Amino acid sequence: MPYAQVGAMAEIPRFAGTAAGVGVFMQNFFAAIFSQAYGLLADGTPQPMVMLAVLGGVLCLVSGAVPYLQKKFKPPPA
């Protein structure tokens, strides 16, 4: 996580504080969402936890792939 945080804050140095705050907010917000979702889905078996872990992994891969693909397929400047 430190490399991701440094990467987010290094894009525009004057917004480093904002980037740090948004990063921490997103970490806490999504942790709270997944905690609530597990609480709603818990049925005494490991299946809801596995399902949420897989969902979290897929969301992480998608959130990492989107900026990469945007940069890769960015149209040339006119």
PDB file of N, CA and C in Angstrom:
ATOM      1  N   MET A   1       0.796  -1.208   0.000  1.00  0.00           N
ATOM      2  CA  MET A   1       0.000   0.000   0.000  1.00  0.00           C
ATOM      3  C   MET A   1       0.840   1.273   0.000  1.00  0.00           C
ATOM      4  N   PRO A   2       2.022   1.312   0.613  1.00  0.00           N
ATOM      5  CA  PRO A   2       2.769   2.571   0.575  1.00  0.00           C
ATOM      6  C   PRO A   2       3.090   3.029  -0.849  1.00  0.00           C
ATOM      7  N   TYR A   3       3.403   2.099  -1.754  1.00  0.00           N
ATOM      8  CA  TYR A   3       3.710   2.494  -3.129  1.00  0.00           C
ATOM      9  C   TYR A   3       2.481   3.077  -3.811  1.00  0.00           C
ATOM     10  N   ALA A   4       1.317   2.512  -3.554  1.00  0.00           N
ATOM     11  CA  ALA A   4       0.083   3.042  -4.138  1.00  0.00           C
ATOM     12  C   ALA A   4      -0.202   4.440  -3.595  1.00  0.00           C
ATOM     13  N   GLN A   5       0.016   4.635  -2.315  1.00  0.00           N
ATOM     14  CA  GLN A   5      -0.236   5.947  -1.725  1.00  0.00           C
ATOM     15  C   GLN A   5       0.739   6.987  -2.260  1.00  0.00           C
ATOM     16  N   VAL A   6       2.005   6.626  -2.397  1.00  0.00           N
ATOM     17  CA  VAL A   6       2.992   7.563  -2.932  1.00  0.00           C
ATOM     18  C   VAL A   6       2.661   7.873  -4.390  1.00  0.00           C
ATOM     19  N   GLY A   7       2.249   6.863  -5.150  1.00  0.00           N
ATOM     20  CA  GLY A   7       1.875   7.086  -6.547  1.00  0.00           C
ATOM     21  C   GLY A   7       0.691   8.025  -6.678  1.00  0.00           C
ATOM     22  N   ALA A   8      -0.285   7.880  -5.800  1.00  0.00           N
ATOM     23  CA  ALA A   8      -1.464   8.757  -5.841  1.00  0.00           C
ATOM     24  C   ALA A   8      -1.097  10.183  -5.461  1.00  0.00           C
ATOM     25  N   MET A   9      -0.197  10.333  -4.506  1.00  0.00           N
ATOM     26  CA  MET A   9       0.161  11.675  -4.043  1.00  0.00           C
ATOM     27  C   MET A   9       1.181  12.351  -4.944  1.00  0.00           C
ATOM     28  N   ALA A  10       1.910  11.598  -5.753  1.00  0.00           N
ATOM     29  CA  ALA A  10       2.968  12.176  -6.574  1.00  0.00           C
ATOM     30  C   ALA A  10       2.456  12.744  -7.893  1.00  0.00           C
ATOM     31  N   GLU A  11       1.253  12.436  -8.289  1.00  0.00           N
ATOM     32  CA  GLU A  11       0.727  12.918  -9.569  1.00  0.00           C
ATOM     33  C   GLU A  11       0.755  14.438  -9.647  1.00  0.00           C
ATOM     34  N   ILE A  12       0.127  15.094  -8.704  1.00  0.00           N
ATOM     35  CA  ILE A  12       0.116  16.556  -8.650  1.00  0.00           C
ATOM     36  C   ILE A  12       0.547  16.937  -7.230  1.00  0.00           C
ATOM     37  N   PRO A  13       1.804  17.329  -7.060  1.00  0.00           N
ATOM     38  CA  PRO A  13       2.334  17.559  -5.707  1.00  0.00           C
ATOM     39  C   PRO A  13       1.529  18.532  -4.860  1.00  0.00           C
ATOM     40  N   ARG A  14       0.911  19.524  -5.456  1.00  0.00           N
ATOM     41  CA  ARG A  14       0.169  20.496  -4.629  1.00  0.00           C
ATOM     42  C   ARG A  14      -1.112  19.909  -4.056  1.00  0.00           C
ATOM     43  N   PHE A  15      -1.565  18.764  -4.584  1.00  0.00           N
ATOM     44  CA  PHE A  15      -2.756  18.095  -4.053  1.00  0.00           C
ATOM     45  C   PHE A  15      -2.400  16.867  -3.225  1.00  0.00           C
ATOM     46  N   ALA A  16      -1.185  16.773  -2.726  1.00  0.00           N
ATOM     47  CA  ALA A  16      -0.741  15.599  -1.976  1.00  0.00           C
ATOM     48  C   ALA A  16      -1.608  15.360  -0.743  1.00  0.00           C
ATOM     49  N   GLY A  17      -1.952  16.408  -0.021  1.00  0.00           N
ATOM     50  CA  GLY A  17      -2.785  16.249   1.169  1.00  0.00           C
ATOM     51  C   GLY A  17      -4.176  15.757   0.832  1.00  0.00           C
ATOM     52  N   THR A  18      -4.728  16.284  -0.243  1.00  0.00           N
ATOM     53  CA  THR A  18      -6.060  15.842  -0.682  1.00  0.00           C
ATOM     54  C   THR A  18      -6.017  14.390  -1.112  1.00  0.00           C
ATOM     55  N   ALA A  19      -4.991  14.016  -1.862  1.00  0.00           N
ATOM     56  CA  ALA A  19      -4.860  12.631  -2.324  1.00  0.00           C
ATOM     57  C   ALA A  19      -4.717  11.679  -1.141  1.00  0.00           C
ATOM     58  N   ALA A  20      -3.955  12.071  -0.137  1.00  0.00           N
ATOM     59  CA  ALA A  20      -3.795  11.229   1.046  1.00  0.00           C
ATOM     60  C   ALA A  20      -5.127  11.068   1.773  1.00  0.00           C
ATOM     61  N   GLY A  21      -5.861  12.161   1.914  1.00  0.00           N
ATOM     62  CA  GLY A  21      -7.157  12.092   2.585  1.00  0.00           C
ATOM     63  C   GLY A  21      -8.154  11.248   1.834  1.00  0.00           C
ATOM     64  N   VAL A  22      -8.208  11.397   0.522  1.00  0.00           N
ATOM     65  CA  VAL A  22      -9.131  10.601  -0.291  1.00  0.00           C
ATOM     66  C   VAL A  22      -8.750   9.131  -0.229  1.00  0.00           C
ATOM     67  N   GLY A  23      -7.451   8.833  -0.273  1.00  0.00           N
ATOM     68  CA  GLY A  23      -7.000   7.443  -0.201  1.00  0.00           C
ATOM     69  C   GLY A  23      -7.399   6.777   1.105  1.00  0.00           C
ATOM     70  N   VAL A  24      -7.187   7.465   2.213  1.00  0.00           N
ATOM     71  CA  VAL A  24      -7.560   6.907   3.527  1.00  0.00           C
ATOM     72  C   VAL A  24      -9.075   6.766   3.634  1.00  0.00           C
ATOM     73  N   PHE A  25      -9.817   7.762   3.133  1.00  0.00           N
ATOM     74  CA  PHE A  25     -11.276   7.680   3.163  1.00  0.00           C
ATOM     75  C   PHE A  25     -11.759   6.460   2.389  1.00  0.00           C
ATOM     76  N   MET A  26     -11.205   6.237   1.206  1.00  0.00           N
ATOM     77  CA  MET A  26     -11.651   5.104   0.390  1.00  0.00           C
ATOM     78  C   MET A  26     -11.339   3.785   1.075  1.00  0.00           C
ATOM     79  N   GLN A  27     -10.177   3.667   1.696  1.00  0.00           N
ATOM     80  CA  GLN A  27      -9.834   2.440   2.411  1.00  0.00           C
ATOM     81  C   GLN A  27     -10.844   2.159   3.512  1.00  0.00           C
ATOM     82  N   ASN A  28     -11.133   3.163   4.328  1.00  0.00           N
ATOM     83  CA  ASN A  28     -12.069   2.982   5.438  1.00  0.00           C
ATOM     84  C   ASN A  28     -13.503   2.775   4.950  1.00  0.00           C
ATOM     85  N   PHE A  29     -13.896   3.504   3.916  1.00  0.00           N
ATOM     86  CA  PHE A  29     -15.257   3.413   3.399  1.00  0.00           C
ATOM     87  C   PHE A  29     -15.547   2.020   2.847  1.00  0.00           C
ATOM     88  N   PHE A  30     -14.629   1.513   2.022  1.00  0.00           N
ATOM     89  CA  PHE A  30     -14.866   0.192   1.446  1.00  0.00           C
ATOM     90  C   PHE A  30     -14.745  -0.918   2.483  1.00  0.00           C
ATOM     91  N   ALA A  31     -13.897  -0.740   3.485  1.00  0.00           N
ATOM     92  CA  ALA A  31     -13.845  -1.715   4.577  1.00  0.00           C
ATOM     93  C   ALA A  31     -15.179  -1.751   5.319  1.00  0.00           C
ATOM     94  N   ALA A  32     -15.771  -0.587   5.547  1.00  0.00           N
ATOM     95  CA  ALA A  32     -17.071  -0.537   6.219  1.00  0.00           C
ATOM     96  C   ALA A  32     -18.166  -1.167   5.353  1.00  0.00           C
ATOM     97  N   ILE A  33     -18.123  -0.912   4.048  1.00  0.00           N
ATOM     98  CA  ILE A  33     -19.129  -1.514   3.159  1.00  0.00           C
ATOM     99  C   ILE A  33     -19.018  -3.032   3.170  1.00  0.00           C
ATOM    100  N   PHE A  34     -17.789  -3.554   3.065  1.00  0.00           N
ATOM    101  CA  PHE A  34     -17.623  -5.009   3.067  1.00  0.00           C
ATOM    102  C   PHE A  34     -17.988  -5.611   4.416  1.00  0.00           C
ATOM    103  N   SER A  35     -17.728  -4.894   5.505  1.00  0.00           N
ATOM    104  CA  SER A  35     -18.133  -5.389   6.833  1.00  0.00           C
ATOM    105  C   SER A  35     -19.652  -5.467   6.946  1.00  0.00           C
ATOM    106  N   GLN A  36     -20.343  -4.450   6.467  1.00  0.00           N
ATOM    107  CA  GLN A  36     -21.809  -4.466   6.498  1.00  0.00           C
ATOM    108  C   GLN A  36     -22.354  -5.563   5.590  1.00  0.00           C
ATOM    109  N   ALA A  37     -21.762  -5.716   4.423  1.00  0.00           N
ATOM    110  CA  ALA A  37     -22.221  -6.756   3.497  1.00  0.00           C
ATOM    111  C   ALA A  37     -22.035  -8.133   4.115  1.00  0.00           C
ATOM    112  N   TYR A  38     -20.905  -8.378   4.771  1.00  0.00           N
ATOM    113  CA  TYR A  38     -20.706  -9.677   5.417  1.00  0.00           C
ATOM    114  C   TYR A  38     -21.718  -9.886   6.536  1.00  0.00           C
ATOM    115  N   GLY A  39     -21.981  -8.828   7.296  1.00  0.00           N
ATOM    116  CA  GLY A  39     -22.973  -8.946   8.361  1.00  0.00           C
ATOM    117  C   GLY A  39     -24.348  -9.308   7.831  1.00  0.00           C
ATOM    118  N   LEU A  40     -24.709  -8.773   6.660  1.00  0.00           N
ATOM    119  CA  LEU A  40     -26.005  -9.093   6.062  1.00  0.00           C
ATOM    120  C   LEU A  40     -26.042 -10.500   5.464  1.00  0.00           C
ATOM    121  N   LEU A  41     -24.902 -10.965   4.946  1.00  0.00           N
ATOM    122  CA  LEU A  41     -24.867 -12.257   4.256  1.00  0.00           C
ATOM    123  C   LEU A  41     -24.465 -13.426   5.147  1.00  0.00           C
ATOM    124  N   ALA A  42     -23.939 -13.156   6.342  1.00  0.00           N
ATOM    125  CA  ALA A  42     -23.426 -14.225   7.206  1.00  0.00           C
ATOM    126  C   ALA A  42     -24.522 -15.233   7.539  1.00  0.00           C
ATOM    127  N   ASP A  43     -24.192 -16.496   7.327  1.00  0.00           N
ATOM    128  CA  ASP A  43     -25.157 -17.559   7.632  1.00  0.00           C
ATOM    129  C   ASP A  43     -24.508 -18.727   8.376  1.00  0.00           C
ATOM    130  N   GLY A  44     -23.320 -18.510   8.927  1.00  0.00           N
ATOM    131  CA  GLY A  44     -22.646 -19.556   9.684  1.00  0.00           C
ATOM    132  C   GLY A  44     -21.741 -20.432   8.843  1.00  0.00           C
ATOM    133  N   THR A  45     -21.657 -20.183   7.567  1.00  0.00           N
ATOM    134  CA  THR A  45     -20.761 -20.932   6.686  1.00  0.00           C
ATOM    135  C   THR A  45     -19.683 -19.983   6.152  1.00  0.00           C
ATOM    136  N   PRO A  46     -18.606 -20.527   5.621  1.00  0.00           N
ATOM    137  CA  PRO A  46     -17.557 -19.651   5.085  1.00  0.00           C
ATOM    138  C   PRO A  46     -17.884 -19.065   3.700  1.00  0.00           C
ATOM    139  N   GLN A  47     -18.968 -19.491   3.096  1.00  0.00           N
ATOM    140  CA  GLN A  47     -19.295 -19.068   1.736  1.00  0.00           C
ATOM    141  C   GLN A  47     -19.428 -17.544   1.582  1.00  0.00           C
ATOM    142  N   PRO A  48     -20.118 -16.815   2.475  1.00  0.00           N
ATOM    143  CA  PRO A  48     -20.210 -15.356   2.296  1.00  0.00           C
ATOM    144  C   PRO A  48     -18.855 -14.650   2.355  1.00  0.00           C
ATOM    145  N   MET A  49     -17.965 -15.123   3.242  1.00  0.00           N
ATOM    146  CA  MET A  49     -16.640 -14.515   3.337  1.00  0.00           C
ATOM    147  C   MET A  49     -15.831 -14.768   2.068  1.00  0.00           C
ATOM    148  N   VAL A  50     -15.905 -15.982   1.547  1.00  0.00           N
ATOM    149  CA  VAL A  50     -15.194 -16.313   0.307  1.00  0.00           C
ATOM    150  C   VAL A  50     -15.749 -15.474  -0.840  1.00  0.00           C
ATOM    151  N   MET A  51     -17.061 -15.351  -0.902  1.00  0.00           N
ATOM    152  CA  MET A  51     -17.700 -14.580  -1.961  1.00  0.00           C
ATOM    153  C   MET A  51     -17.267 -13.110  -1.908  1.00  0.00           C
ATOM    154  N   LEU A  52     -17.219 -12.535  -0.724  1.00  0.00           N
ATOM    155  CA  LEU A  52     -16.805 -11.141  -0.589  1.00  0.00           C
ATOM    156  C   LEU A  52     -15.308 -10.967  -0.854  1.00  0.00           C
ATOM    157  N   ALA A  53     -14.499 -11.954  -0.487  1.00  0.00           N
ATOM    158  CA  ALA A  53     -13.064 -11.873  -0.770  1.00  0.00           C
ATOM    159  C   ALA A  53     -12.814 -11.925  -2.276  1.00  0.00           C
ATOM    160  N   VAL A  54     -13.532 -12.791  -2.976  1.00  0.00           N
ATOM    161  CA  VAL A  54     -13.394 -12.865  -4.429  1.00  0.00           C
ATOM    162  C   VAL A  54     -13.875 -11.564  -5.072  1.00  0.00           C
ATOM    163  N   LEU A  55     -14.993 -11.040  -4.598  1.00  0.00           N
ATOM    164  CA  LEU A  55     -15.504  -9.772  -5.117  1.00  0.00           C
ATOM    165  C   LEU A  55     -14.492  -8.647  -4.904  1.00  0.00           C
ATOM    166  N   GLY A  56     -13.910  -8.593  -3.718  1.00  0.00           N
ATOM    167  CA  GLY A  56     -12.904  -7.578  -3.431  1.00  0.00           C
ATOM    168  C   GLY A  56     -11.688  -7.712  -4.332  1.00  0.00           C
ATOM    169  N   GLY A  57     -11.241  -8.942  -4.578  1.00  0.00           N
ATOM    170  CA  GLY A  57     -10.111  -9.162  -5.473  1.00  0.00           C
ATOM    171  C   GLY A  57     -10.406  -8.721  -6.897  1.00  0.00           C
ATOM    172  N   VAL A  58     -11.605  -9.045  -7.369  1.00  0.00           N
ATOM    173  CA  VAL A  58     -11.997  -8.645  -8.727  1.00  0.00           C
ATOM    174  C   VAL A  58     -12.072  -7.123  -8.828  1.00  0.00           C
ATOM    175  N   LEU A  59     -12.648  -6.470  -7.824  1.00  0.00           N
ATOM    176  CA  LEU A  59     -12.734  -5.013  -7.839  1.00  0.00           C
ATOM    177  C   LEU A  59     -11.345  -4.366  -7.810  1.00  0.00           C
ATOM    178  N   CYS A  60     -10.419  -4.961  -7.072  1.00  0.00           N
ATOM    179  CA  CYS A  60      -9.052  -4.434  -7.043  1.00  0.00           C
ATOM    180  C   CYS A  60      -8.395  -4.559  -8.413  1.00  0.00           C
ATOM    181  N   LEU A  61      -8.571  -5.705  -9.063  1.00  0.00           N
ATOM    182  CA  LEU A  61      -7.990  -5.880 -10.393  1.00  0.00           C
ATOM    183  C   LEU A  61      -8.592  -4.904 -11.395  1.00  0.00           C
ATOM    184  N   VAL A  62      -9.898  -4.714 -11.324  1.00  0.00           N
ATOM    185  CA  VAL A  62     -10.557  -3.782 -12.244  1.00  0.00           C
ATOM    186  C   VAL A  62     -10.086  -2.356 -11.988  1.00  0.00           C
ATOM    187  N   SER A  63     -10.001  -1.970 -10.717  1.00  0.00           N
ATOM    188  CA  SER A  63      -9.580  -0.602 -10.412  1.00  0.00           C
ATOM    189  C   SER A  63      -8.127  -0.355 -10.784  1.00  0.00           C
ATOM    190  N   GLY A  64      -7.317  -1.385 -10.855  1.00  0.00           N
ATOM    191  CA  GLY A  64      -5.945  -1.233 -11.320  1.00  0.00           C
ATOM    192  C   GLY A  64      -5.841  -1.268 -12.832  1.00  0.00           C
ATOM    193  N   ALA A  65      -6.725  -2.020 -13.486  1.00  0.00           N
ATOM    194  CA  ALA A  65      -6.663  -2.158 -14.940  1.00  0.00           C
ATOM    195  C   ALA A  65      -7.214  -0.932 -15.660  1.00  0.00           C
ATOM    196  N   VAL A  66      -8.193  -0.269 -15.082  1.00  0.00           N
ATOM    197  CA  VAL A  66      -8.826   0.869 -15.760  1.00  0.00           C
ATOM    198  C   VAL A  66      -7.820   1.982 -16.057  1.00  0.00           C
ATOM    199  N   PRO A  67      -7.032   2.465 -15.089  1.00  0.00           N
ATOM    200  CA  PRO A  67      -6.058   3.513 -15.428  1.00  0.00           C
ATOM    201  C   PRO A  67      -5.007   3.038 -16.432  1.00  0.00           C
ATOM    202  N   TYR A  68      -4.593   1.782 -16.308  1.00  0.00           N
ATOM    203  CA  TYR A  68      -3.612   1.242 -17.248  1.00  0.00           C
ATOM    204  C   TYR A  68      -4.174   1.247 -18.670  1.00  0.00           C
ATOM    205  N   LEU A  69      -5.398   0.781 -18.827  1.00  0.00           N
ATOM    206  CA  LEU A  69      -6.003   0.747 -20.157  1.00  0.00           C
ATOM    207  C   LEU A  69      -6.283   2.145 -20.692  1.00  0.00           C
ATOM    208  N   GLN A  70      -6.658   3.066 -19.819  1.00  0.00           N
ATOM    209  CA  GLN A  70      -6.872   4.445 -20.261  1.00  0.00           C
ATOM    210  C   GLN A  70      -5.578   5.055 -20.783  1.00  0.00           C
ATOM    211  N   LYS A  71      -4.489   4.783 -20.098  1.00  0.00           N
ATOM    212  CA  LYS A  71      -3.204   5.327 -20.536  1.00  0.00           C
ATOM    213  C   LYS A  71      -2.729   4.646 -21.819  1.00  0.00           C
ATOM    214  N   LYS A  72      -2.950   3.341 -21.903  1.00  0.00           N
ATOM    215  CA  LYS A  72      -2.497   2.588 -23.066  1.00  0.00           C
ATOM    216  C   LYS A  72      -3.248   2.980 -24.339  1.00  0.00           C
ATOM    217  N   PHE A  73      -4.552   3.188 -24.236  1.00  0.00           N
ATOM    218  CA  PHE A  73      -5.377   3.468 -25.407  1.00  0.00           C
ATOM    219  C   PHE A  73      -5.749   4.944 -25.529  1.00  0.00           C
ATOM    220  N   LYS A  74      -4.952   5.792 -24.918  1.00  0.00           N
ATOM    221  CA  LYS A  74      -5.198   7.228 -24.980  1.00  0.00           C
ATOM    222  C   LYS A  74      -4.938   7.719 -26.401  1.00  0.00           C
ATOM    223  N   PRO A  75      -5.878   8.463 -26.982  1.00  0.00           N
ATOM    224  CA  PRO A  75      -5.661   8.955 -28.350  1.00  0.00           C
ATOM    225  C   PRO A  75      -4.504   9.958 -28.383  1.00  0.00           C
ATOM    226  N   PRO A  76      -3.795   9.998 -29.497  1.00  0.00           N
ATOM    227  CA  PRO A  76      -2.691  10.954 -29.590  1.00  0.00           C
ATOM    228  C   PRO A  76      -3.195  12.388 -29.573  1.00  0.00           C
ATOM    229  N   PRO A  77      -2.405  13.302 -29.027  1.00  0.00           N
ATOM    230  CA  PRO A  77      -2.837  14.711 -28.974  1.00  0.00           C
ATOM    231  C   PRO A  77      -2.990  15.286 -30.391  1.00  0.00           C
ATOM    232  N   ALA A  78      -3.980  16.122 -30.558  1.00  0.00           N
ATOM    233  CA  ALA A  78      -4.240  16.690 -31.889  1.00  0.00           C
ATOM    234  C   ALA A  78      -3.516  17.993 -32.099  1.00  0.00           C
TER     235      ALA A  78
END
